[in-house]
N, C-alpha and C. Protein backbone atom coordinates (compact mmCIF):
# COMPACT_ATOMS: atom_id res chain seq x y z
N PRO A 1 41.40 59.66 70.28
CA PRO A 1 42.89 59.56 70.71
C PRO A 1 43.86 60.03 71.93
N VAL A 2 43.90 58.67 72.73
CA VAL A 2 45.31 59.51 73.35
C VAL A 2 46.37 59.31 73.96
N SER A 3 46.80 57.60 73.42
CA SER A 3 48.05 57.02 73.18
C SER A 3 48.65 58.49 72.12
N PRO A 4 50.22 58.44 72.39
CA PRO A 4 51.17 59.14 71.31
C PRO A 4 50.44 58.29 70.00
N GLU A 5 50.62 57.44 69.69
CA GLU A 5 50.79 56.26 68.55
C GLU A 5 49.29 56.83 67.69
N GLU A 6 47.82 56.68 69.08
CA GLU A 6 46.68 56.72 68.20
C GLU A 6 46.88 58.46 68.04
N ILE A 7 47.46 59.56 68.11
CA ILE A 7 47.09 60.68 67.88
C ILE A 7 48.05 61.04 66.49
N PHE A 8 49.26 60.26 66.37
CA PHE A 8 50.07 60.32 65.41
C PHE A 8 48.81 60.34 64.11
N ASN A 9 48.33 58.42 64.27
CA ASN A 9 47.79 57.89 63.39
C ASN A 9 46.47 58.35 62.91
N TYR A 10 45.72 59.40 63.87
CA TYR A 10 44.71 59.73 63.69
C TYR A 10 44.71 60.78 63.07
N ASN A 11 45.75 61.96 63.17
CA ASN A 11 45.99 63.18 61.95
C ASN A 11 46.54 62.41 60.81
N HIS A 12 47.05 61.36 60.73
CA HIS A 12 48.03 60.72 59.68
C HIS A 12 46.77 60.92 58.40
N SER A 13 45.60 59.68 59.15
CA SER A 13 44.69 59.11 59.02
C SER A 13 43.81 60.07 58.13
N SER A 14 44.02 61.58 58.79
CA SER A 14 42.79 62.77 58.06
C SER A 14 43.37 63.43 57.42
N LEU A 15 44.83 63.37 57.44
CA LEU A 15 45.86 64.46 56.00
C LEU A 15 45.54 63.31 55.10
N ARG A 16 45.23 61.95 54.80
CA ARG A 16 45.70 61.44 54.05
C ARG A 16 44.45 61.15 53.17
N SER A 17 42.78 60.97 53.98
CA SER A 17 42.11 61.29 53.51
C SER A 17 41.60 63.38 52.21
N VAL A 18 42.15 63.72 53.08
CA VAL A 18 41.93 65.09 52.61
C VAL A 18 43.32 65.02 51.18
N ILE A 19 44.11 64.53 51.38
CA ILE A 19 45.54 64.31 49.81
C ILE A 19 44.56 63.54 49.26
N GLU A 20 43.84 62.19 49.49
CA GLU A 20 43.73 61.47 48.99
C GLU A 20 41.65 62.34 48.14
N GLN A 21 41.89 63.34 48.78
CA GLN A 21 40.50 63.82 47.74
C GLN A 21 40.78 65.43 46.68
N ALA A 22 41.15 65.55 47.26
CA ALA A 22 42.60 66.82 46.53
C ALA A 22 42.95 65.91 45.10
N PHE A 23 43.98 64.77 45.21
CA PHE A 23 43.21 63.82 43.91
C PHE A 23 42.89 63.36 43.42
N GLY A 24 41.36 62.85 44.27
CA GLY A 24 40.17 62.61 43.23
C GLY A 24 39.67 63.99 42.38
N VAL A 25 39.98 64.96 43.08
CA VAL A 25 39.41 66.16 42.46
C VAL A 25 40.22 66.55 41.08
N TRP A 26 41.18 66.57 41.20
CA TRP A 26 42.25 66.93 40.54
C TRP A 26 41.92 66.11 39.18
N LYS A 27 42.09 64.61 39.70
CA LYS A 27 42.25 63.81 38.24
C LYS A 27 40.64 64.11 37.63
N LYS A 28 39.73 64.21 38.58
CA LYS A 28 38.47 64.53 37.74
C LYS A 28 38.21 65.94 36.94
N LYS A 29 38.84 66.80 37.63
CA LYS A 29 38.78 68.01 36.26
C LYS A 29 39.89 67.43 35.46
N TRP A 30 40.70 66.97 35.29
CA TRP A 30 42.00 67.01 34.58
C TRP A 30 42.15 65.60 34.00
N LYS A 31 41.60 65.48 32.81
CA LYS A 31 41.37 63.82 32.51
C LYS A 31 42.53 63.34 32.30
N ILE A 32 43.67 64.62 31.74
CA ILE A 32 44.93 64.29 31.00
C ILE A 32 46.11 63.35 32.37
N ILE A 33 45.29 64.00 33.87
CA ILE A 33 46.50 63.14 34.65
C ILE A 33 46.12 61.87 34.73
N LYS A 34 44.51 61.85 34.67
CA LYS A 34 44.22 60.69 34.84
C LYS A 34 44.91 59.13 34.18
N THR A 35 45.06 60.16 32.72
CA THR A 35 45.94 59.12 31.74
C THR A 35 46.56 60.10 31.04
N MET A 36 47.99 59.86 31.73
CA MET A 36 49.08 60.92 31.52
C MET A 36 49.71 59.98 29.95
N PRO A 37 49.53 60.74 28.98
CA PRO A 37 50.20 60.30 27.67
C PRO A 37 51.68 60.10 27.51
N SER A 38 52.61 59.71 26.93
CA SER A 38 53.58 59.23 27.13
C SER A 38 54.54 60.14 26.53
N TYR A 39 53.98 61.48 27.29
CA TYR A 39 55.18 62.73 27.20
C TYR A 39 56.35 62.37 27.71
N PRO A 40 57.65 63.59 26.89
CA PRO A 40 58.97 63.31 27.71
C PRO A 40 58.62 63.29 29.54
N LEU A 41 59.39 63.41 30.57
CA LEU A 41 59.61 63.65 31.44
C LEU A 41 59.40 65.23 31.98
N ASP A 42 60.06 65.75 31.42
CA ASP A 42 59.94 67.10 31.41
C ASP A 42 58.28 67.85 31.00
N ARG A 43 57.71 67.49 29.85
CA ARG A 43 56.45 67.68 29.88
C ARG A 43 55.38 67.48 30.73
N GLN A 44 55.36 65.74 31.32
CA GLN A 44 54.59 65.59 32.41
C GLN A 44 54.54 66.81 33.31
N PHE A 45 55.99 66.83 34.02
CA PHE A 45 55.90 67.89 34.79
C PHE A 45 55.52 68.98 35.16
N LYS A 46 55.14 70.28 33.52
CA LYS A 46 54.84 70.86 33.32
C LYS A 46 53.42 71.00 33.31
N ILE A 47 53.04 69.59 32.80
CA ILE A 47 51.62 69.53 33.28
C ILE A 47 50.74 69.13 34.29
N VAL A 48 51.72 68.39 34.88
CA VAL A 48 51.21 68.41 36.68
C VAL A 48 51.36 69.24 37.36
N ALA A 49 52.29 70.62 36.84
CA ALA A 49 52.37 72.05 37.68
C ALA A 49 51.02 72.78 37.12
N ALA A 50 51.41 72.76 36.25
CA ALA A 50 49.82 73.69 35.54
C ALA A 50 48.71 73.33 35.38
N THR A 51 48.31 72.01 36.08
CA THR A 51 46.68 71.82 36.21
C THR A 51 46.77 71.82 37.44
N MET A 52 47.81 71.17 38.65
CA MET A 52 47.91 71.85 39.95
C MET A 52 47.92 73.09 40.28
N THR A 53 48.42 74.10 39.29
CA THR A 53 48.56 76.03 39.77
C THR A 53 47.21 76.14 39.78
N LEU A 54 45.63 75.88 38.49
CA LEU A 54 44.99 76.01 38.15
C LEU A 54 43.74 75.40 39.06
N HIS A 55 43.99 74.12 39.50
CA HIS A 55 43.48 73.62 40.22
C HIS A 55 43.33 74.51 41.82
N ASN A 56 44.20 74.69 41.88
CA ASN A 56 44.33 75.52 43.40
C ASN A 56 44.27 77.03 43.39
N PHE A 57 44.24 77.86 42.18
CA PHE A 57 43.15 78.87 41.99
C PHE A 57 41.92 78.78 41.57
N ILE A 58 41.41 77.66 41.04
CA ILE A 58 39.96 77.68 41.03
C ILE A 58 39.58 76.95 42.59
N ARG A 59 39.86 76.29 43.83
CA ARG A 59 39.85 76.52 44.40
C ARG A 59 39.58 77.75 45.62
N LYS A 60 40.96 78.44 45.19
CA LYS A 60 40.88 79.33 46.24
C LYS A 60 39.61 80.67 46.20
N ASN A 61 39.10 80.97 44.32
CA ASN A 61 38.49 81.73 43.83
C ASN A 61 37.37 81.36 43.16
N THR A 62 36.65 80.51 43.13
CA THR A 62 35.45 80.24 43.15
C THR A 62 34.80 78.96 44.00
N THR A 63 33.64 80.13 44.26
CA THR A 63 32.53 79.42 44.93
C THR A 63 31.91 78.20 44.77
N GLN A 64 31.62 78.09 43.50
CA GLN A 64 30.62 76.94 43.44
C GLN A 64 31.61 76.76 41.96
N ASP A 65 31.73 75.43 42.24
CA ASP A 65 32.19 74.31 41.04
C ASP A 65 32.40 72.99 41.67
N ARG A 66 31.31 72.30 40.44
CA ARG A 66 30.75 71.02 40.29
C ARG A 66 31.85 70.04 41.06
N HIS A 67 33.13 69.55 40.66
CA HIS A 67 34.12 68.81 41.04
C HIS A 67 34.16 68.66 42.42
N PHE A 68 34.83 70.10 43.23
CA PHE A 68 35.31 70.28 44.54
C PHE A 68 33.40 70.22 44.93
N ALA A 69 32.56 70.53 44.88
CA ALA A 69 31.11 70.22 45.07
C ALA A 69 31.33 68.79 45.64
N GLU A 70 31.70 68.01 44.51
CA GLU A 70 30.75 66.20 44.47
C GLU A 70 31.81 65.95 46.17
N PHE A 71 32.50 66.11 45.73
CA PHE A 71 33.77 66.07 47.15
C PHE A 71 33.55 66.87 48.55
N ASP A 72 33.15 67.72 48.29
CA ASP A 72 32.69 68.69 49.36
C ASP A 72 31.21 68.05 50.04
N ASP A 73 30.75 67.99 49.28
CA ASP A 73 29.31 67.09 49.42
C ASP A 73 29.71 65.74 50.11
N ASN A 74 30.74 65.11 49.82
CA ASN A 74 30.81 63.36 50.10
C ASN A 74 32.32 63.19 50.77
N LEU A 75 32.60 63.23 51.80
CA LEU A 75 33.72 63.49 52.54
C LEU A 75 34.41 62.05 53.00
N THR A 76 33.86 61.22 52.07
CA THR A 76 34.23 59.40 52.06
C THR A 76 34.96 59.27 51.00
N PHE A 77 34.46 60.11 50.09
CA PHE A 77 34.54 59.83 48.53
C PHE A 77 35.87 59.61 47.71
N VAL A 78 36.09 58.57 46.86
CA VAL A 78 37.10 57.76 46.78
C VAL A 78 37.27 57.57 45.32
N LEU A 79 37.93 58.41 44.32
CA LEU A 79 37.60 57.62 43.19
C LEU A 79 37.93 55.81 43.17
N GLU A 80 37.32 55.42 42.29
CA GLU A 80 37.58 53.62 42.21
C GLU A 80 39.23 53.66 41.53
N ASP A 81 39.22 54.16 40.60
CA ASP A 81 40.51 53.80 40.26
C ASP A 81 41.87 54.11 41.35
N GLU A 82 41.72 54.85 42.47
CA GLU A 82 42.55 54.97 43.34
C GLU A 82 42.39 54.37 44.32
N LEU A 83 41.32 53.27 44.84
CA LEU A 83 41.25 52.02 45.41
C LEU A 83 41.60 51.15 44.35
N GLU A 84 41.93 50.92 43.15
CA GLU A 84 41.93 49.86 42.85
C GLU A 84 43.72 50.05 42.80
N ASP A 85 44.61 51.42 42.30
CA ASP A 85 45.65 51.08 42.83
C ASP A 85 46.39 50.70 44.14
N VAL A 86 45.80 50.94 44.94
CA VAL A 86 46.15 50.59 46.83
C VAL A 86 46.16 49.16 46.50
N GLN A 87 44.97 48.55 45.68
CA GLN A 87 44.24 47.12 46.60
C GLN A 87 45.18 46.41 45.50
N ASN A 88 46.06 46.44 43.98
CA ASN A 88 46.56 46.19 43.39
C ASN A 88 47.90 45.99 43.16
N GLU A 89 48.25 47.17 44.68
CA GLU A 89 49.94 47.32 44.63
C GLU A 89 50.45 45.99 44.96
N PRO A 90 51.82 45.63 44.45
CA PRO A 90 52.60 43.86 45.11
C PRO A 90 52.79 44.21 46.30
N GLU A 91 53.15 42.90 47.38
CA GLU A 91 53.15 43.03 48.55
C GLU A 91 54.61 43.25 48.37
N GLY A 92 54.93 43.81 49.59
CA GLY A 92 56.22 44.33 49.42
C GLY A 92 56.87 44.96 48.63
N SER A 93 55.71 45.87 47.59
CA SER A 93 56.94 46.51 46.97
C SER A 93 56.92 48.03 47.17
N GLN A 94 56.57 48.80 48.68
CA GLN A 94 57.31 49.76 49.19
C GLN A 94 58.45 49.28 50.13
N THR A 95 59.27 48.11 49.83
CA THR A 95 60.39 47.86 51.25
C THR A 95 61.44 48.95 51.03
N ILE A 96 62.05 48.65 52.13
CA ILE A 96 62.53 50.03 52.57
C ILE A 96 63.72 49.36 53.34
N SER A 97 64.88 50.71 53.14
CA SER A 97 66.34 50.36 54.14
C SER A 97 66.04 50.44 55.89
N GLN A 98 67.25 49.40 56.57
CA GLN A 98 66.47 49.43 57.99
C GLN A 98 66.84 51.05 58.07
N ARG A 99 67.93 51.82 57.56
CA ARG A 99 68.12 53.51 57.72
C ARG A 99 67.08 53.50 57.20
N GLU A 100 66.21 53.64 56.38
CA GLU A 100 65.25 54.33 56.21
C GLU A 100 64.64 54.07 56.71
N GLY A 101 64.15 52.97 57.16
CA GLY A 101 62.87 53.02 58.42
C GLY A 101 63.29 53.40 59.79
N ARG A 102 64.80 53.49 59.90
CA ARG A 102 65.02 54.43 61.89
C ARG A 102 64.51 55.12 61.11
N GLU A 103 65.40 56.50 60.21
CA GLU A 103 64.86 58.08 59.97
C GLU A 103 63.32 58.18 59.29
N MET A 104 62.58 57.33 58.64
CA MET A 104 61.05 58.00 58.84
C MET A 104 60.42 57.17 60.70
N GLU A 105 60.68 56.63 61.85
CA GLU A 105 60.55 56.28 62.40
C GLU A 105 61.17 57.39 63.53
N ILE A 106 61.95 57.86 63.43
CA ILE A 106 62.36 59.29 64.12
C ILE A 106 61.37 60.28 63.39
N CYS A 107 61.55 60.42 62.88
CA CYS A 107 60.43 61.82 61.60
C CYS A 107 58.73 61.50 62.44
N ARG A 108 58.40 60.26 62.19
CA ARG A 108 57.08 60.13 63.28
C ARG A 108 56.91 60.70 64.21
N ASP A 109 58.55 60.15 64.99
CA ASP A 109 58.06 60.31 66.63
C ASP A 109 58.27 61.87 66.79
N ARG A 110 59.00 62.19 65.75
CA ARG A 110 59.25 64.31 65.80
C ARG A 110 57.48 64.64 65.78
N ILE A 111 57.43 64.11 64.41
CA ILE A 111 55.65 64.73 64.71
C ILE A 111 54.50 64.69 65.40
N THR A 112 54.84 63.18 66.13
CA THR A 112 54.07 62.72 66.93
C THR A 112 54.28 63.74 68.41
N ARG A 113 55.29 64.22 69.02
CA ARG A 113 55.99 65.03 69.91
C ARG A 113 54.91 66.26 69.50
N SER A 114 55.43 66.80 68.03
CA SER A 114 54.73 67.73 68.01
C SER A 114 53.16 68.35 68.17
N LEU A 115 52.55 66.77 67.73
CA LEU A 115 51.24 66.63 67.75
C LEU A 115 50.78 67.24 68.97
N ILE A 116 51.25 66.25 69.78
CA ILE A 116 51.54 66.54 71.17
C ILE A 116 51.32 67.64 71.94
N THR A 117 52.52 68.79 71.82
CA THR A 117 52.90 70.00 72.42
C THR A 117 51.40 70.66 71.95
N HIS A 118 50.95 70.52 70.66
CA HIS A 118 50.53 71.63 69.41
C HIS A 118 48.50 70.94 70.56
N LEU A 119 48.63 70.28 71.02
CA LEU A 119 47.36 69.89 71.51
C LEU A 119 47.02 70.30 73.01
N SER A 120 47.92 70.13 73.86
CA SER A 120 48.52 70.41 75.05
C SER A 120 47.91 71.86 75.26
């Protein structure tokens, strides 16, 4: 990547891949996350917090874990249901206001400048 946009896009894509893999491991290890029952919202928050805490604990303290190993061995792996979620998203479902769009553009520019400074 050479231009500011390419630098931002490259780093954004790399980060997104890591996040998608983390969610993939998380959903594979904790089936309740994949098919969240219709519990009250406060209980769902607790389930998410508890499973993410356990996820992070296992990742930091276990040298061999079959779920992490499956993803570590295949860096491009994405769960099928993750692809379906993205592919089935209705067109225009992420519409944002002009103000929100401008705020995001400012944020993106700030991140890009930070990346360029960091790489220099």
